[in-house]
């Protein structure tokens, strides 16, 4: 079974969403660098949430894509955990650390890939309409 980097990025972002990660962004770096094809960037508000997001991403990518992480760095401090799948690199930040490093700004010319998080997006839209 051959899985594309896009599919790994999609599964990783959906796994992060399932654990209530905030501000999930997927950047397409295919035309920008040879290091990897996609960055998945998200935020966790607590250490337990960071652990849950990292574990869920590793598990879902393994079971759904057959891809194992090459490495996982930063779990000790949990301010910035990096999961390297080779063609996809996932960054799980604490909000203040994400604001400091601003990866989205650093790679600002990379296109953002829209991901449909299903019911979460629908509920957000309904809440916004109800507030009007």
C-alpha atoms as a PDB file:
ATOM      1  CA  UNK A   1       0.000   0.000   0.000  1.00  0.00           C
ATOM      2  CA  UNK A   2       1.490   3.295  -1.104  1.00  0.00           C
ATOM      3  CA  UNK A   3       0.373   6.316   0.863  1.00  0.00           C
ATOM      4  CA  UNK A   4       1.046   9.865  -0.308  1.00  0.00           C
ATOM      5  CA  UNK A   5       2.505  12.587   1.915  1.00  0.00           C
ATOM      6  CA  UNK A   6      -0.811  14.447   1.524  1.00  0.00           C
ATOM      7  CA  UNK A   7      -2.666  11.467   3.014  1.00  0.00           C
ATOM      8  CA  UNK A   8      -0.272  11.357   5.975  1.00  0.00           C
ATOM      9  CA  UNK A   9      -0.752  15.111   6.538  1.00  0.00           C
ATOM     10  CA  UNK A  10      -4.530  14.684   6.318  1.00  0.00           C
ATOM     11  CA  UNK A  11      -4.621  11.785   8.795  1.00  0.00           C
ATOM     12  CA  UNK A  12      -2.269  13.641  11.175  1.00  0.00           C
ATOM     13  CA  UNK A  13      -4.366  16.814  11.081  1.00  0.00           C
ATOM     14  CA  UNK A  14      -7.608  14.866  11.605  1.00  0.00           C
ATOM     15  CA  UNK A  15      -6.031  13.010  14.546  1.00  0.00           C
ATOM     16  CA  UNK A  16      -4.959  16.337  16.082  1.00  0.00           C
ATOM     17  CA  UNK A  17      -8.480  17.677  15.609  1.00  0.00           C
ATOM     18  CA  UNK A  18      -9.962  14.608  17.313  1.00  0.00           C
ATOM     19  CA  UNK A  19      -7.959  15.521  20.428  1.00  0.00           C
ATOM     20  CA  UNK A  20      -9.130  19.160  20.307  1.00  0.00           C
ATOM     21  CA  UNK A  21      -5.865  20.653  19.034  1.00  0.00           C
ATOM     22  CA  UNK A  22      -6.230  24.360  18.318  1.00  0.00           C
ATOM     23  CA  UNK A  23      -5.390  26.390  15.216  1.00  0.00           C
ATOM     24  CA  UNK A  24      -4.494  23.422  12.992  1.00  0.00           C
ATOM     25  CA  UNK A  25      -2.623  24.533   9.874  1.00  0.00           C
ATOM     26  CA  UNK A  26      -1.296  22.331   7.071  1.00  0.00           C
ATOM     27  CA  UNK A  27       1.360  23.927   4.840  1.00  0.00           C
ATOM     28  CA  UNK A  28       2.292  22.522   1.426  1.00  0.00           C
ATOM     29  CA  UNK A  29       6.075  22.807   1.189  1.00  0.00           C
ATOM     30  CA  UNK A  30       6.525  20.696  -1.960  1.00  0.00           C
ATOM     31  CA  UNK A  31       7.654  23.677  -4.050  1.00  0.00           C
ATOM     32  CA  UNK A  32       9.607  25.329  -1.200  1.00  0.00           C
ATOM     33  CA  UNK A  33      12.042  22.766   0.205  1.00  0.00           C
ATOM     34  CA  UNK A  34      13.404  19.250  -0.228  1.00  0.00           C
ATOM     35  CA  UNK A  35      13.306  18.643   3.536  1.00  0.00           C
ATOM     36  CA  UNK A  36       9.650  17.544   3.598  1.00  0.00           C
ATOM     37  CA  UNK A  37       6.402  17.949   1.669  1.00  0.00           C
ATOM     38  CA  UNK A  38       4.041  19.122   4.425  1.00  0.00           C
ATOM     39  CA  UNK A  39       4.079  20.769   7.834  1.00  0.00           C
ATOM     40  CA  UNK A  40       1.154  20.124  10.136  1.00  0.00           C
ATOM     41  CA  UNK A  41       1.134  22.775  12.865  1.00  0.00           C
ATOM     42  CA  UNK A  42      -1.197  22.858  15.861  1.00  0.00           C
ATOM     43  CA  UNK A  43      -1.429  24.051  19.447  1.00  0.00           C
ATOM     44  CA  UNK A  44      -2.105  22.253  22.746  1.00  0.00           C
ATOM     45  CA  UNK A  45      -3.132  24.172  25.844  1.00  0.00           C
ATOM     46  CA  UNK A  46      -1.802  21.699  28.443  1.00  0.00           C
ATOM     47  CA  UNK A  47       0.801  18.974  28.868  1.00  0.00           C
ATOM     48  CA  UNK A  48      -1.790  16.172  29.009  1.00  0.00           C
ATOM     49  CA  UNK A  49      -3.420  17.490  25.839  1.00  0.00           C
ATOM     50  CA  UNK A  50      -0.038  17.702  24.110  1.00  0.00           C
ATOM     51  CA  UNK A  51       0.675  14.068  25.039  1.00  0.00           C
ATOM     52  CA  UNK A  52      -2.775  12.981  23.845  1.00  0.00           C
ATOM     53  CA  UNK A  53      -2.374  14.785  20.504  1.00  0.00           C
ATOM     54  CA  UNK A  54       1.094  13.342  19.884  1.00  0.00           C
ATOM     55  CA  UNK A  55       0.010   9.796  20.798  1.00  0.00           C
ATOM     56  CA  UNK A  56      -3.130  10.028  18.640  1.00  0.00           C
ATOM     57  CA  UNK A  57      -1.221  11.334  15.608  1.00  0.00           C
ATOM     58  CA  UNK A  58       1.430   8.608  15.868  1.00  0.00           C
ATOM     59  CA  UNK A  59      -1.238   5.900  16.286  1.00  0.00           C
ATOM     60  CA  UNK A  60      -3.603   7.082  13.520  1.00  0.00           C
ATOM     61  CA  UNK A  61      -0.809   7.588  10.987  1.00  0.00           C
ATOM     62  CA  UNK A  62       0.571   4.137  11.822  1.00  0.00           C
ATOM     63  CA  UNK A  63      -2.787   2.345  11.599  1.00  0.00           C
ATOM     64  CA  UNK A  64      -4.294   4.289   8.662  1.00  0.00           C
ATOM     65  CA  UNK A  65      -1.193   4.967   6.578  1.00  0.00           C
ATOM     66  CA  UNK A  66       1.263   2.291   7.655  1.00  0.00           C
ATOM     67  CA  UNK A  67       3.842   5.009   8.374  1.00  0.00           C
ATOM     68  CA  UNK A  68       5.967   5.061  11.501  1.00  0.00           C
ATOM     69  CA  UNK A  69       7.479   8.242  12.877  1.00  0.00           C
ATOM     70  CA  UNK A  70      11.192   8.521  12.097  1.00  0.00           C
ATOM     71  CA  UNK A  71      11.571  10.424  15.363  1.00  0.00           C
ATOM     72  CA  UNK A  72       9.639  12.341  17.992  1.00  0.00           C
ATOM     73  CA  UNK A  73      11.491  15.186  19.676  1.00  0.00           C
ATOM     74  CA  UNK A  74      10.615  17.536  22.549  1.00  0.00           C
ATOM     75  CA  UNK A  75       8.250  15.371  24.571  1.00  0.00           C
ATOM     76  CA  UNK A  76      10.156  16.152  27.762  1.00  0.00           C
ATOM     77  CA  UNK A  77       9.408  19.894  27.772  1.00  0.00           C
ATOM     78  CA  UNK A  78       6.218  19.689  25.714  1.00  0.00           C
ATOM     79  CA  UNK A  79       6.521  23.324  24.580  1.00  0.00           C
ATOM     80  CA  UNK A  80       7.233  22.135  21.029  1.00  0.00           C
ATOM     81  CA  UNK A  81       6.906  18.470  20.111  1.00  0.00           C
ATOM     82  CA  UNK A  82       8.057  17.545  16.624  1.00  0.00           C
ATOM     83  CA  UNK A  83       6.930  14.295  14.988  1.00  0.00           C
ATOM     84  CA  UNK A  84       8.949  13.471  11.872  1.00  0.00           C
ATOM     85  CA  UNK A  85       7.305  11.134   9.363  1.00  0.00           C
ATOM     86  CA  UNK A  86       9.905  11.943   6.694  1.00  0.00           C
ATOM     87  CA  UNK A  87       7.716  13.585   4.066  1.00  0.00           C
ATOM     88  CA  UNK A  88       5.495  15.151   6.742  1.00  0.00           C
ATOM     89  CA  UNK A  89       6.631  16.945   9.884  1.00  0.00           C
ATOM     90  CA  UNK A  90       4.079  17.607  12.619  1.00  0.00           C
ATOM     91  CA  UNK A  91       4.605  20.419  15.136  1.00  0.00           C
ATOM     92  CA  UNK A  92       2.582  20.421  18.362  1.00  0.00           C
ATOM     93  CA  UNK A  93       3.153  23.719  20.160  1.00  0.00           C
ATOM     94  CA  UNK A  94       2.151  25.394  23.362  1.00  0.00           C
ATOM     95  CA  UNK A  95       0.512  28.663  22.184  1.00  0.00           C
ATOM     96  CA  UNK A  96       3.242  30.956  23.566  1.00  0.00           C
ATOM     97  CA  UNK A  97       6.003  28.901  21.923  1.00  0.00           C
ATOM     98  CA  UNK A  98       4.116  28.876  18.630  1.00  0.00           C
ATOM     99  CA  UNK A  99       3.752  32.665  18.820  1.00  0.00           C
ATOM    100  CA  UNK A 100       7.495  33.002  19.437  1.00  0.00           C
ATOM    101  CA  UNK A 101       8.673  30.803  16.528  1.00  0.00           C
ATOM    102  CA  UNK A 102       5.888  31.785  14.086  1.00  0.00           C
ATOM    103  CA  UNK A 103       6.473  28.929  11.614  1.00  0.00           C
ATOM    104  CA  UNK A 104       3.453  30.020   9.583  1.00  0.00           C
ATOM    105  CA  UNK A 105       5.113  33.422   9.042  1.00  0.00           C
ATOM    106  CA  UNK A 106       8.527  31.880   8.359  1.00  0.00           C
ATOM    107  CA  UNK A 107       6.940  29.711   5.656  1.00  0.00           C
ATOM    108  CA  UNK A 108       4.379  32.385   4.766  1.00  0.00           C
ATOM    109  CA  UNK A 109       4.795  31.903   1.016  1.00  0.00           C
ATOM    110  CA  UNK A 110       3.839  28.204   1.287  1.00  0.00           C
ATOM    111  CA  UNK A 111       0.214  27.506   0.382  1.00  0.00           C
ATOM    112  CA  UNK A 112      -2.080  26.457   3.211  1.00  0.00           C
ATOM    113  CA  UNK A 113      -3.999  23.237   2.573  1.00  0.00           C
ATOM    114  CA  UNK A 114      -7.634  23.406   3.621  1.00  0.00           C
ATOM    115  CA  UNK A 115      -8.742  20.417   5.686  1.00  0.00           C
ATOM    116  CA  UNK A 116     -12.387  19.614   6.312  1.00  0.00           C
ATOM    117  CA  UNK A 117     -12.740  18.713   9.960  1.00  0.00           C
ATOM    118  CA  UNK A 118     -16.353  17.614   9.419  1.00  0.00           C
ATOM    119  CA  UNK A 119     -18.720  18.274  12.294  1.00  0.00           C
ATOM    120  CA  UNK A 120     -16.309  20.621  14.054  1.00  0.00           C
ATOM    121  CA  UNK A 121     -16.481  23.060  11.128  1.00  0.00           C
ATOM    122  CA  UNK A 122     -20.258  22.647  10.847  1.00  0.00           C
ATOM    123  CA  UNK A 123     -20.795  23.303  14.555  1.00  0.00           C
ATOM    124  CA  UNK A 124     -18.591  26.387  14.419  1.00  0.00           C
ATOM    125  CA  UNK A 125     -20.629  27.736  11.509  1.00  0.00           C
ATOM    126  CA  UNK A 126     -23.912  27.063  13.308  1.00  0.00           C
ATOM    127  CA  UNK A 127     -22.652  28.791  16.446  1.00  0.00           C
ATOM    128  CA  UNK A 128     -21.593  31.832  14.431  1.00  0.00           C
ATOM    129  CA  UNK A 129     -25.006  32.004  12.746  1.00  0.00           C
ATOM    130  CA  UNK A 130     -26.796  31.641  16.088  1.00  0.00           C
ATOM    131  CA  UNK A 131     -24.736  34.501  17.524  1.00  0.00           C
ATOM    132  CA  UNK A 132     -25.892  36.879  14.774  1.00  0.00           C
END
